Amino acid sequence: MKVLALLLVLAVSTSQGQRPHFTCQECIDEMHHLGWYVKTYAPYMTEYLVDEFCPTTDSDDCAHHVADHYVEMIYAIVNHFIIDGATHICQLMEICGVKNQIEKAYTCDECVAGLDFVQAYLLNDMEIREFTVYLEQYYCNPDQDRCPGQIVEWFPTMHRMAMEEFFIPEEICAKEPVCGATKPTDGPAPTKPGV
């Protein structure tokens, strides 16, 4: 796991050139705000997956299963890995930890750079496997009917499609005061192909 974390940090740091310089607490606060975005855009993500993912399966129940379970699954992932794991993500970004950063005003560019990192984290193949294992072990309890049919098998593909479509750092940051929004609902609506 430590090797994966190191590889992720190296891959992202070399691909971005500059990492954000906001404080540890600002970073943690921003990770906590991501939960709000997931809840706000969950209906759009579900509709997108029903329209774009389900036709690629051979299941007559896909639309029903996605509509009933995908949002709960992504909430479970965001709550565990992003909200509860906020400090860990900020440590991976080298914002929190033993290296103290010079504190300065948090900027819109840093918002985008931070979310670029989180996007890479959410789309990393090893992390998606971690998310799937977490769902299998903690969310898809066999005593409850939360994961019927192939919903867990479909999760990696659905997750990748939804994150690529809706986790757009520039659009998310445009809704933040640091980038000029007066409240989180300001800014562009989620991107939808053909609209």
N, C-alpha and C. Protein backbone atom coordinates (compact mmCIF):
# COMPACT_ATOMS: atom_id res chain seq x y z
N MET A 1 0.83 -1.19 0.00
CA MET A 1 0.00 0.00 0.00
C MET A 1 0.88 1.26 0.00
N LYS A 2 1.98 1.22 0.78
CA LYS A 2 2.87 2.38 0.82
C LYS A 2 3.51 2.61 -0.54
N VAL A 3 3.83 1.51 -1.24
CA VAL A 3 4.42 1.64 -2.57
C VAL A 3 3.41 2.28 -3.52
N LEU A 4 2.13 1.86 -3.44
CA LEU A 4 1.08 2.44 -4.27
C LEU A 4 0.95 3.93 -4.00
N ALA A 5 0.95 4.30 -2.73
CA ALA A 5 0.83 5.71 -2.38
C ALA A 5 2.01 6.51 -2.94
N LEU A 6 3.21 5.95 -2.82
CA LEU A 6 4.39 6.63 -3.34
C LEU A 6 4.31 6.78 -4.85
N LEU A 7 3.92 5.71 -5.55
CA LEU A 7 3.80 5.77 -7.00
C LEU A 7 2.75 6.80 -7.43
N LEU A 8 1.63 6.83 -6.71
CA LEU A 8 0.57 7.79 -7.02
C LEU A 8 1.08 9.22 -6.85
N VAL A 9 1.77 9.47 -5.74
CA VAL A 9 2.30 10.81 -5.50
C VAL A 9 3.31 11.19 -6.59
N LEU A 10 4.20 10.27 -6.93
CA LEU A 10 5.19 10.56 -7.96
C LEU A 10 4.54 10.80 -9.32
N ALA A 11 3.59 9.97 -9.68
CA ALA A 11 2.93 10.12 -10.98
C ALA A 11 2.21 11.44 -11.08
N VAL A 12 1.48 11.79 -10.05
CA VAL A 12 0.71 13.03 -10.10
C VAL A 12 1.63 14.24 -10.00
N SER A 13 2.64 14.17 -9.13
CA SER A 13 3.51 15.34 -8.98
C SER A 13 4.31 15.61 -10.23
N THR A 14 4.72 14.57 -10.94
CA THR A 14 5.48 14.81 -12.17
C THR A 14 4.58 15.25 -13.30
N SER A 15 3.29 14.89 -13.25
CA SER A 15 2.39 15.28 -14.34
C SER A 15 1.82 16.67 -14.14
N GLN A 16 1.88 17.20 -12.93
CA GLN A 16 1.26 18.50 -12.69
C GLN A 16 2.25 19.64 -12.62
N GLY A 17 3.48 19.36 -12.32
CA GLY A 17 4.47 20.42 -12.28
C GLY A 17 4.44 21.20 -10.98
N GLN A 18 3.31 21.67 -10.56
CA GLN A 18 3.21 22.49 -9.36
C GLN A 18 2.07 21.97 -8.51
N ARG A 19 2.32 21.78 -7.24
CA ARG A 19 1.26 21.32 -6.35
C ARG A 19 0.68 22.51 -5.61
N PRO A 20 -0.53 22.36 -5.10
CA PRO A 20 -1.16 23.48 -4.42
C PRO A 20 -0.42 23.84 -3.13
N HIS A 21 -0.52 25.10 -2.71
CA HIS A 21 0.17 25.58 -1.53
C HIS A 21 -0.79 26.03 -0.43
N PHE A 22 -2.02 25.57 -0.45
CA PHE A 22 -2.93 25.96 0.61
C PHE A 22 -2.61 25.16 1.88
N THR A 23 -3.18 25.57 3.00
CA THR A 23 -2.84 24.96 4.28
C THR A 23 -3.46 23.57 4.40
N CYS A 24 -2.96 22.83 5.35
CA CYS A 24 -3.48 21.49 5.63
C CYS A 24 -4.98 21.57 5.92
N GLN A 25 -5.38 22.47 6.78
CA GLN A 25 -6.81 22.57 7.14
C GLN A 25 -7.66 22.97 5.94
N GLU A 26 -7.17 23.86 5.08
CA GLU A 26 -7.92 24.22 3.87
C GLU A 26 -8.08 23.00 2.97
N CYS A 27 -7.04 22.21 2.86
CA CYS A 27 -7.10 21.00 2.04
C CYS A 27 -8.14 20.03 2.61
N ILE A 28 -8.11 19.79 3.89
CA ILE A 28 -9.07 18.89 4.53
C ILE A 28 -10.49 19.42 4.35
N ASP A 29 -10.67 20.73 4.53
CA ASP A 29 -12.00 21.33 4.34
C ASP A 29 -12.50 21.11 2.91
N GLU A 30 -11.62 21.25 1.94
CA GLU A 30 -12.03 21.06 0.54
C GLU A 30 -12.41 19.60 0.27
N MET A 31 -11.72 18.66 0.87
CA MET A 31 -12.08 17.25 0.71
C MET A 31 -13.48 17.02 1.29
N HIS A 32 -13.77 17.65 2.41
CA HIS A 32 -15.10 17.51 3.02
C HIS A 32 -16.18 18.12 2.13
N HIS A 33 -15.86 19.20 1.42
CA HIS A 33 -16.84 19.82 0.51
C HIS A 33 -17.20 18.93 -0.66
N LEU A 34 -16.30 18.03 -1.04
CA LEU A 34 -16.58 17.15 -2.18
C LEU A 34 -17.82 16.28 -1.93
N GLY A 35 -18.07 15.95 -0.69
CA GLY A 35 -19.28 15.17 -0.37
C GLY A 35 -20.54 15.89 -0.80
N TRP A 36 -20.55 17.21 -0.63
CA TRP A 36 -21.70 18.01 -1.04
C TRP A 36 -21.91 17.92 -2.55
N TYR A 37 -20.82 17.96 -3.31
CA TYR A 37 -20.94 17.90 -4.77
C TYR A 37 -21.50 16.55 -5.22
N VAL A 38 -21.04 15.48 -4.58
CA VAL A 38 -21.55 14.16 -4.95
C VAL A 38 -23.05 14.09 -4.70
N LYS A 39 -23.48 14.57 -3.56
CA LYS A 39 -24.91 14.54 -3.24
C LYS A 39 -25.71 15.43 -4.18
N THR A 40 -25.17 16.55 -4.54
CA THR A 40 -25.86 17.48 -5.44
C THR A 40 -26.00 16.90 -6.84
N TYR A 41 -24.96 16.26 -7.33
CA TYR A 41 -24.96 15.77 -8.71
C TYR A 41 -25.32 14.30 -8.85
N ALA A 42 -25.68 13.64 -7.76
CA ALA A 42 -26.04 12.23 -7.81
C ALA A 42 -27.16 11.93 -8.81
N PRO A 43 -28.23 12.72 -8.86
CA PRO A 43 -29.28 12.42 -9.85
C PRO A 43 -28.76 12.51 -11.29
N TYR A 44 -27.89 13.47 -11.57
CA TYR A 44 -27.32 13.61 -12.90
C TYR A 44 -26.42 12.42 -13.24
N MET A 45 -25.61 12.00 -12.26
CA MET A 45 -24.73 10.86 -12.48
C MET A 45 -25.54 9.59 -12.74
N THR A 46 -26.60 9.40 -11.97
CA THR A 46 -27.44 8.23 -12.14
C THR A 46 -28.08 8.23 -13.52
N GLU A 47 -28.64 9.35 -13.92
CA GLU A 47 -29.27 9.45 -15.24
C GLU A 47 -28.24 9.17 -16.35
N TYR A 48 -27.06 9.74 -16.20
CA TYR A 48 -26.00 9.52 -17.18
C TYR A 48 -25.65 8.04 -17.30
N LEU A 49 -25.48 7.37 -16.15
CA LEU A 49 -25.12 5.95 -16.18
C LEU A 49 -26.23 5.08 -16.75
N VAL A 50 -27.48 5.40 -16.42
CA VAL A 50 -28.61 4.66 -16.99
C VAL A 50 -28.62 4.82 -18.51
N ASP A 51 -28.37 6.05 -18.98
CA ASP A 51 -28.40 6.32 -20.43
C ASP A 51 -27.18 5.81 -21.17
N GLU A 52 -26.00 5.91 -20.56
CA GLU A 52 -24.75 5.61 -21.26
C GLU A 52 -24.13 4.26 -20.92
N PHE A 53 -24.26 3.84 -19.65
CA PHE A 53 -23.64 2.58 -19.24
C PHE A 53 -24.56 1.38 -19.46
N CYS A 54 -25.80 1.49 -19.02
CA CYS A 54 -26.70 0.33 -19.07
C CYS A 54 -26.87 -0.27 -20.47
N PRO A 55 -26.92 0.52 -21.52
CA PRO A 55 -27.03 -0.10 -22.85
C PRO A 55 -25.82 -0.98 -23.22
N THR A 56 -24.70 -0.82 -22.51
CA THR A 56 -23.52 -1.64 -22.82
C THR A 56 -23.57 -2.99 -22.11
N THR A 57 -24.55 -3.19 -21.23
CA THR A 57 -24.67 -4.46 -20.51
C THR A 57 -25.74 -5.32 -21.17
N ASP A 58 -25.77 -6.57 -20.78
CA ASP A 58 -26.81 -7.48 -21.27
C ASP A 58 -27.91 -7.65 -20.24
N SER A 59 -28.02 -6.71 -19.31
CA SER A 59 -28.96 -6.85 -18.21
C SER A 59 -30.21 -6.00 -18.42
N ASP A 60 -31.35 -6.64 -18.26
CA ASP A 60 -32.62 -5.91 -18.30
C ASP A 60 -32.82 -5.12 -17.01
N ASP A 61 -32.11 -5.51 -15.95
CA ASP A 61 -32.27 -4.87 -14.64
C ASP A 61 -31.26 -3.75 -14.38
N CYS A 62 -30.36 -3.48 -15.31
CA CYS A 62 -29.30 -2.50 -15.07
C CYS A 62 -29.85 -1.14 -14.64
N ALA A 63 -30.76 -0.60 -15.40
CA ALA A 63 -31.29 0.73 -15.08
C ALA A 63 -31.89 0.76 -13.69
N HIS A 64 -32.63 -0.28 -13.34
CA HIS A 64 -33.24 -0.36 -12.01
C HIS A 64 -32.17 -0.43 -10.93
N HIS A 65 -31.17 -1.32 -11.12
CA HIS A 65 -30.11 -1.46 -10.12
C HIS A 65 -29.27 -0.20 -9.98
N VAL A 66 -28.94 0.42 -11.08
CA VAL A 66 -28.16 1.66 -11.03
C VAL A 66 -28.96 2.75 -10.32
N ALA A 67 -30.22 2.90 -10.69
CA ALA A 67 -31.06 3.93 -10.07
C ALA A 67 -31.21 3.70 -8.56
N ASP A 68 -31.32 2.45 -8.17
CA ASP A 68 -31.53 2.14 -6.75
C ASP A 68 -30.26 2.10 -5.92
N HIS A 69 -29.10 1.82 -6.53
CA HIS A 69 -27.93 1.52 -5.72
C HIS A 69 -26.67 2.34 -6.01
N TYR A 70 -26.52 2.88 -7.20
CA TYR A 70 -25.25 3.56 -7.50
C TYR A 70 -24.98 4.73 -6.55
N VAL A 71 -25.99 5.54 -6.33
CA VAL A 71 -25.78 6.73 -5.49
C VAL A 71 -25.35 6.32 -4.08
N GLU A 72 -25.99 5.31 -3.52
CA GLU A 72 -25.59 4.85 -2.19
C GLU A 72 -24.15 4.33 -2.20
N MET A 73 -23.79 3.65 -3.28
CA MET A 73 -22.42 3.12 -3.37
C MET A 73 -21.41 4.25 -3.45
N ILE A 74 -21.67 5.26 -4.25
CA ILE A 74 -20.71 6.34 -4.38
C ILE A 74 -20.66 7.17 -3.09
N TYR A 75 -21.79 7.29 -2.38
CA TYR A 75 -21.77 7.95 -1.06
C TYR A 75 -20.85 7.18 -0.12
N ALA A 76 -20.96 5.85 -0.12
CA ALA A 76 -20.12 5.03 0.76
C ALA A 76 -18.63 5.24 0.44
N ILE A 77 -18.30 5.29 -0.84
CA ILE A 77 -16.91 5.50 -1.26
C ILE A 77 -16.44 6.89 -0.86
N VAL A 78 -17.22 7.92 -1.16
CA VAL A 78 -16.83 9.29 -0.84
C VAL A 78 -16.71 9.48 0.67
N ASN A 79 -17.68 8.95 1.43
CA ASN A 79 -17.60 9.10 2.89
C ASN A 79 -16.36 8.44 3.46
N HIS A 80 -16.04 7.24 2.98
CA HIS A 80 -14.90 6.51 3.55
C HIS A 80 -13.56 7.04 3.03
N PHE A 81 -13.42 7.17 1.72
CA PHE A 81 -12.11 7.48 1.14
C PHE A 81 -11.82 8.97 1.04
N ILE A 82 -12.83 9.80 0.88
CA ILE A 82 -12.59 11.23 0.68
C ILE A 82 -12.85 12.02 1.98
N ILE A 83 -14.02 11.85 2.56
CA ILE A 83 -14.34 12.64 3.76
C ILE A 83 -13.57 12.11 4.97
N ASP A 84 -13.74 10.81 5.28
CA ASP A 84 -12.99 10.24 6.40
C ASP A 84 -11.49 10.18 6.10
N GLY A 85 -11.13 10.05 4.84
CA GLY A 85 -9.73 9.95 4.45
C GLY A 85 -9.13 11.27 4.00
N ALA A 86 -9.76 12.39 4.33
CA ALA A 86 -9.31 13.70 3.86
C ALA A 86 -7.86 13.98 4.25
N THR A 87 -7.51 13.71 5.49
CA THR A 87 -6.14 13.96 5.94
C THR A 87 -5.16 13.12 5.14
N HIS A 88 -5.51 11.87 4.88
CA HIS A 88 -4.64 10.98 4.11
C HIS A 88 -4.40 11.53 2.71
N ILE A 89 -5.45 11.96 2.04
CA ILE A 89 -5.29 12.51 0.69
C ILE A 89 -4.41 13.76 0.73
N CYS A 90 -4.63 14.61 1.72
CA CYS A 90 -3.81 15.83 1.83
C CYS A 90 -2.37 15.49 2.17
N GLN A 91 -2.14 14.38 2.88
CA GLN A 91 -0.77 13.93 3.13
C GLN A 91 -0.14 13.43 1.83
N LEU A 92 -0.91 12.71 1.01
CA LEU A 92 -0.39 12.26 -0.28
C LEU A 92 0.01 13.45 -1.15
N MET A 93 -0.72 14.55 -1.02
CA MET A 93 -0.42 15.76 -1.78
C MET A 93 0.73 16.54 -1.15
N GLU A 94 1.25 16.04 -0.02
CA GLU A 94 2.32 16.68 0.74
C GLU A 94 1.92 18.06 1.27
N ILE A 95 0.65 18.20 1.59
CA ILE A 95 0.17 19.44 2.18
C ILE A 95 0.10 19.30 3.69
N CYS A 96 -0.32 18.14 4.16
CA CYS A 96 -0.34 17.86 5.60
C CYS A 96 0.82 16.92 5.91
N GLY A 97 1.40 17.10 7.07
CA GLY A 97 2.47 16.20 7.48
C GLY A 97 3.62 16.93 8.09
N VAL A 98 4.76 16.28 8.07
CA VAL A 98 5.93 16.84 8.75
C VAL A 98 6.51 18.04 8.03
N LYS A 99 6.31 18.14 6.73
CA LYS A 99 6.80 19.31 6.00
C LYS A 99 5.77 20.43 6.13
N ASN A 100 6.12 21.45 6.85
CA ASN A 100 5.20 22.58 7.00
C ASN A 100 5.32 23.51 5.81
N GLN A 101 4.19 23.87 5.28
CA GLN A 101 4.15 24.79 4.15
C GLN A 101 4.07 26.23 4.66
N ILE A 102 4.59 27.13 3.87
CA ILE A 102 4.43 28.54 4.17
C ILE A 102 2.96 28.86 3.91
N GLU A 103 2.32 29.42 4.92
CA GLU A 103 0.90 29.72 4.76
C GLU A 103 0.72 30.98 3.94
N LYS A 104 -0.16 30.89 2.97
CA LYS A 104 -0.51 32.04 2.15
C LYS A 104 -1.95 31.87 1.72
N ALA A 105 -2.50 32.85 1.08
CA ALA A 105 -3.90 32.81 0.67
C ALA A 105 -4.12 31.68 -0.34
N TYR A 106 -5.19 30.95 -0.13
CA TYR A 106 -5.62 29.87 -1.02
C TYR A 106 -6.15 30.49 -2.30
N THR A 107 -5.73 29.97 -3.46
CA THR A 107 -6.10 30.57 -4.74
C THR A 107 -6.96 29.61 -5.57
N CYS A 108 -7.56 30.15 -6.60
CA CYS A 108 -8.35 29.37 -7.54
C CYS A 108 -7.45 28.34 -8.25
N ASP A 109 -6.26 28.72 -8.63
CA ASP A 109 -5.33 27.79 -9.28
C ASP A 109 -5.01 26.61 -8.37
N GLU A 110 -4.89 26.88 -7.08
CA GLU A 110 -4.62 25.81 -6.13
C GLU A 110 -5.83 24.90 -5.96
N CYS A 111 -7.01 25.46 -6.04
CA CYS A 111 -8.23 24.65 -6.01
C CYS A 111 -8.21 23.66 -7.17
N VAL A 112 -7.93 24.15 -8.35
CA VAL A 112 -7.90 23.29 -9.54
C VAL A 112 -6.79 22.25 -9.43
N ALA A 113 -5.60 22.67 -9.00
CA ALA A 113 -4.48 21.73 -8.86
C ALA A 113 -4.81 20.65 -7.83
N GLY A 114 -5.43 21.03 -6.74
CA GLY A 114 -5.81 20.05 -5.72
C GLY A 114 -6.83 19.05 -6.25
N LEU A 115 -7.82 19.55 -6.98
CA LEU A 115 -8.84 18.65 -7.52
C LEU A 115 -8.30 17.83 -8.69
N ASP A 116 -7.30 18.33 -9.40
CA ASP A 116 -6.62 17.51 -10.41
C ASP A 116 -6.00 16.28 -9.74
N PHE A 117 -5.39 16.51 -8.58
CA PHE A 117 -4.80 15.41 -7.83
C PHE A 117 -5.87 14.43 -7.38
N VAL A 118 -6.96 14.93 -6.83
CA VAL A 118 -8.04 14.07 -6.36
C VAL A 118 -8.65 13.31 -7.53
N GLN A 119 -8.78 13.95 -8.67
CA GLN A 119 -9.31 13.29 -9.86
C GLN A 119 -8.40 12.11 -10.24
N ALA A 120 -7.09 12.34 -10.24
CA ALA A 120 -6.15 11.26 -10.56
C ALA A 120 -6.28 10.12 -9.53
N TYR A 121 -6.47 10.47 -8.28
CA TYR A 121 -6.66 9.49 -7.21
C TYR A 121 -7.93 8.68 -7.46
N LEU A 122 -9.03 9.36 -7.77
CA LEU A 122 -10.31 8.68 -7.98
C LEU A 122 -10.34 7.81 -9.23
N LEU A 123 -9.48 8.12 -10.20
CA LEU A 123 -9.44 7.36 -11.45
C LEU A 123 -8.28 6.37 -11.52
N ASN A 124 -7.48 6.30 -10.48
CA ASN A 124 -6.35 5.37 -10.44
C ASN A 124 -6.89 3.94 -10.36
N ASP A 125 -6.40 3.06 -11.23
CA ASP A 125 -6.89 1.68 -11.28
C ASP A 125 -6.79 0.96 -9.93
N MET A 126 -5.69 1.15 -9.23
CA MET A 126 -5.54 0.49 -7.92
C MET A 126 -6.56 1.04 -6.92
N GLU A 127 -6.81 2.33 -6.96
CA GLU A 127 -7.80 2.90 -6.04
C GLU A 127 -9.20 2.40 -6.37
N ILE A 128 -9.51 2.28 -7.65
CA ILE A 128 -10.83 1.78 -8.04
C ILE A 128 -10.99 0.34 -7.54
N ARG A 129 -9.92 -0.45 -7.59
CA ARG A 129 -9.97 -1.80 -7.02
C ARG A 129 -10.20 -1.73 -5.52
N GLU A 130 -9.53 -0.78 -4.85
CA GLU A 130 -9.74 -0.58 -3.41
C GLU A 130 -11.20 -0.22 -3.11
N PHE A 131 -11.75 0.67 -3.92
CA PHE A 131 -13.15 1.07 -3.73
C PHE A 131 -14.07 -0.15 -3.86
N THR A 132 -13.79 -0.98 -4.87
CA THR A 132 -14.63 -2.15 -5.12
C THR A 132 -14.52 -3.15 -3.98
N VAL A 133 -13.31 -3.40 -3.50
CA VAL A 133 -13.13 -4.30 -2.36
C VAL A 133 -13.85 -3.75 -1.14
N TYR A 134 -13.74 -2.45 -0.92
CA TYR A 134 -14.44 -1.83 0.22
C TYR A 134 -15.95 -2.06 0.10
N LEU A 135 -16.49 -1.85 -1.07
CA LEU A 135 -17.93 -2.07 -1.26
C LEU A 135 -18.30 -3.52 -1.00
N GLU A 136 -17.49 -4.44 -1.52
CA GLU A 136 -17.77 -5.86 -1.31
C GLU A 136 -17.73 -6.23 0.17
N GLN A 137 -16.78 -5.67 0.91
CA GLN A 137 -16.60 -6.06 2.30
C GLN A 137 -17.52 -5.32 3.27
N TYR A 138 -17.81 -4.06 3.01
CA TYR A 138 -18.51 -3.25 4.00
C TYR A 138 -19.88 -2.74 3.57
N TYR A 139 -20.10 -2.63 2.31
CA TYR A 139 -21.37 -2.09 1.84
C TYR A 139 -22.32 -3.21 1.39
N CYS A 140 -21.82 -4.17 0.66
CA CYS A 140 -22.63 -5.24 0.08
C CYS A 140 -22.77 -6.41 1.04
N ASN A 141 -23.29 -6.13 2.19
CA ASN A 141 -23.52 -7.16 3.19
C ASN A 141 -24.53 -8.15 2.64
N PRO A 142 -24.20 -9.45 2.65
CA PRO A 142 -25.13 -10.43 2.09
C PRO A 142 -26.48 -10.48 2.81
N ASP A 143 -26.53 -10.04 4.06
CA ASP A 143 -27.79 -10.03 4.81
C ASP A 143 -28.72 -8.91 4.36
N GLN A 144 -28.19 -7.96 3.62
CA GLN A 144 -29.00 -6.85 3.10
C GLN A 144 -28.99 -6.95 1.58
N ASP A 145 -29.99 -6.44 0.94
CA ASP A 145 -30.07 -6.55 -0.51
C ASP A 145 -29.62 -5.25 -1.17
N ARG A 146 -28.40 -4.81 -0.81
CA ARG A 146 -27.92 -3.54 -1.36
C ARG A 146 -27.13 -3.70 -2.64
N CYS A 147 -26.74 -4.91 -2.98
CA CYS A 147 -25.92 -5.12 -4.18
C CYS A 147 -26.46 -6.27 -5.02
N PRO A 148 -27.68 -6.11 -5.54
CA PRO A 148 -28.25 -7.19 -6.34
C PRO A 148 -27.60 -7.29 -7.72
N GLY A 149 -27.76 -8.43 -8.33
CA GLY A 149 -27.28 -8.61 -9.69
C GLY A 149 -25.78 -8.37 -9.79
N GLN A 150 -25.38 -7.67 -10.81
CA GLN A 150 -23.96 -7.46 -11.11
C GLN A 150 -23.49 -6.06 -10.71
N ILE A 151 -24.19 -5.40 -9.82
CA ILE A 151 -23.90 -4.00 -9.52
C ILE A 151 -22.45 -3.82 -9.05
N VAL A 152 -21.91 -4.74 -8.24
CA VAL A 152 -20.52 -4.60 -7.78
C VAL A 152 -19.55 -4.84 -8.94
N GLU A 153 -19.87 -5.81 -9.78
CA GLU A 153 -19.02 -6.06 -10.95
C GLU A 153 -19.02 -4.85 -11.88
N TRP A 154 -20.13 -4.16 -11.97
CA TRP A 154 -20.24 -3.00 -12.84
C TRP A 154 -19.61 -1.75 -12.25
N PHE A 155 -19.43 -1.73 -10.92
CA PHE A 155 -18.99 -0.51 -10.25
C PHE A 155 -17.75 0.12 -10.87
N PRO A 156 -16.65 -0.62 -11.12
CA PRO A 156 -15.46 0.05 -11.67
C PRO A 156 -15.74 0.81 -12.96
N THR A 157 -16.47 0.22 -13.87
CA THR A 157 -16.77 0.90 -15.13
C THR A 157 -17.70 2.09 -14.90
N MET A 158 -18.74 1.89 -14.08
CA MET A 158 -19.67 3.00 -13.80
C MET A 158 -18.93 4.15 -13.12
N HIS A 159 -18.08 3.82 -12.16
CA HIS A 159 -17.34 4.85 -11.43
C HIS A 159 -16.45 5.65 -12.38
N ARG A 160 -15.70 4.94 -13.20
CA ARG A 160 -14.81 5.63 -14.15
C ARG A 160 -15.62 6.54 -15.07
N MET A 161 -16.73 6.04 -15.62
CA MET A 161 -17.55 6.85 -16.53
C MET A 161 -18.09 8.08 -15.82
N ALA A 162 -18.62 7.90 -14.60
CA ALA A 162 -19.21 9.03 -13.87
C ALA A 162 -18.16 10.06 -13.49
N MET A 163 -16.99 9.61 -13.04
CA MET A 163 -15.94 10.56 -12.64
C MET A 163 -15.39 11.31 -13.85
N GLU A 164 -15.20 10.61 -14.97
CA GLU A 164 -14.71 11.29 -16.16
C GLU A 164 -15.72 12.31 -16.68
N GLU A 165 -16.99 12.05 -16.49
CA GLU A 165 -18.03 12.95 -16.97
C GLU A 165 -18.31 14.11 -16.02
N PHE A 166 -18.27 13.86 -14.71
CA PHE A 166 -18.73 14.86 -13.76
C PHE A 166 -17.65 15.45 -12.86
N PHE A 167 -16.51 14.79 -12.68
CA PHE A 167 -15.46 15.31 -11.82
C PHE A 167 -14.51 16.13 -12.68
N ILE A 168 -14.92 17.37 -12.91
CA ILE A 168 -14.16 18.29 -13.76
C ILE A 168 -13.66 19.42 -12.85
N PRO A 169 -12.37 19.36 -12.46
CA PRO A 169 -11.85 20.29 -11.47
C PRO A 169 -12.17 21.76 -11.74
N GLU A 170 -12.04 22.21 -12.97
CA GLU A 170 -12.30 23.62 -13.27
C GLU A 170 -13.76 23.98 -12.99
N GLU A 171 -14.69 23.09 -13.34
CA GLU A 171 -16.11 23.36 -13.11
C GLU A 171 -16.46 23.32 -11.63
N ILE A 172 -15.86 22.38 -10.90
CA ILE A 172 -16.13 22.31 -9.46
C ILE A 172 -15.58 23.56 -8.78
N CYS A 173 -14.35 23.94 -9.11
CA CYS A 173 -13.75 25.12 -8.48
C CYS A 173 -14.50 26.40 -8.84
N ALA A 174 -15.09 26.46 -10.03
CA ALA A 174 -15.85 27.64 -10.44
C ALA A 174 -17.03 27.89 -9.51
N LYS A 175 -17.43 26.89 -8.74
CA LYS A 175 -18.53 27.03 -7.79
C LYS A 175 -18.05 27.44 -6.40
N GLU A 176 -16.75 27.59 -6.23
CA GLU A 176 -16.17 27.93 -4.93
C GLU A 176 -15.88 29.43 -4.84
N PRO A 177 -16.04 29.99 -3.64
CA PRO A 177 -15.74 31.41 -3.46
C PRO A 177 -14.32 31.81 -3.87
N VAL A 178 -13.34 30.92 -3.68
CA VAL A 178 -11.97 31.24 -4.04
C VAL A 178 -11.82 31.50 -5.54
N CYS A 179 -12.78 30.99 -6.33
CA CYS A 179 -12.75 31.19 -7.78
C CYS A 179 -13.84 32.17 -8.24
N GLY A 180 -14.41 32.91 -7.30
CA GLY A 180 -15.35 33.96 -7.66
C GLY A 180 -16.82 33.69 -7.41
N ALA A 181 -17.19 32.47 -7.05
CA ALA A 181 -18.60 32.17 -6.77
C ALA A 181 -18.99 32.77 -5.43
N THR A 182 -20.23 33.19 -5.32
CA THR A 182 -20.69 33.75 -4.04
C THR A 182 -21.29 32.68 -3.15
N LYS A 183 -21.69 31.55 -3.73
CA LYS A 183 -22.17 30.40 -2.97
C LYS A 183 -21.92 29.15 -3.81
N PRO A 184 -21.90 27.96 -3.19
CA PRO A 184 -21.54 26.75 -3.94
C PRO A 184 -22.43 26.43 -5.14
N THR A 185 -23.63 26.98 -5.20
CA THR A 185 -24.50 26.66 -6.33
C THR A 185 -24.25 27.56 -7.53
N ASP A 186 -23.41 28.59 -7.36
CA ASP A 186 -23.06 29.44 -8.50
C ASP A 186 -22.18 28.65 -9.46
N GLY A 187 -22.07 29.11 -10.66
CA GLY A 187 -21.19 28.48 -11.62
C GLY A 187 -21.94 27.57 -12.56
N PRO A 188 -21.21 26.92 -13.44
CA PRO A 188 -21.84 26.12 -14.48
C PRO A 188 -22.48 24.85 -13.94
N ALA A 189 -23.53 24.38 -14.62
CA ALA A 189 -24.15 23.11 -14.31
C ALA A 189 -23.20 22.01 -14.76
N PRO A 190 -23.44 20.78 -14.31
CA PRO A 190 -22.54 19.71 -14.73
C PRO A 190 -22.55 19.52 -16.23
N THR A 191 -21.41 19.12 -16.75
CA THR A 191 -21.27 18.90 -18.18
C THR A 191 -22.10 17.68 -18.59
N LYS A 192 -22.80 17.78 -19.67
CA LYS A 192 -23.59 16.67 -20.21
C LYS A 192 -23.39 16.68 -21.70
N PRO A 193 -22.97 15.56 -22.30
CA PRO A 193 -22.73 15.56 -23.74
C PRO A 193 -23.98 15.94 -24.53
N GLY A 194 -23.79 16.70 -25.56
CA GLY A 194 -24.89 17.05 -26.46
C GLY A 194 -25.80 18.13 -25.96
N VAL A 195 -25.51 18.70 -24.79
CA VAL A 195 -26.39 19.75 -24.26
C VAL A 195 -25.70 21.08 -24.35
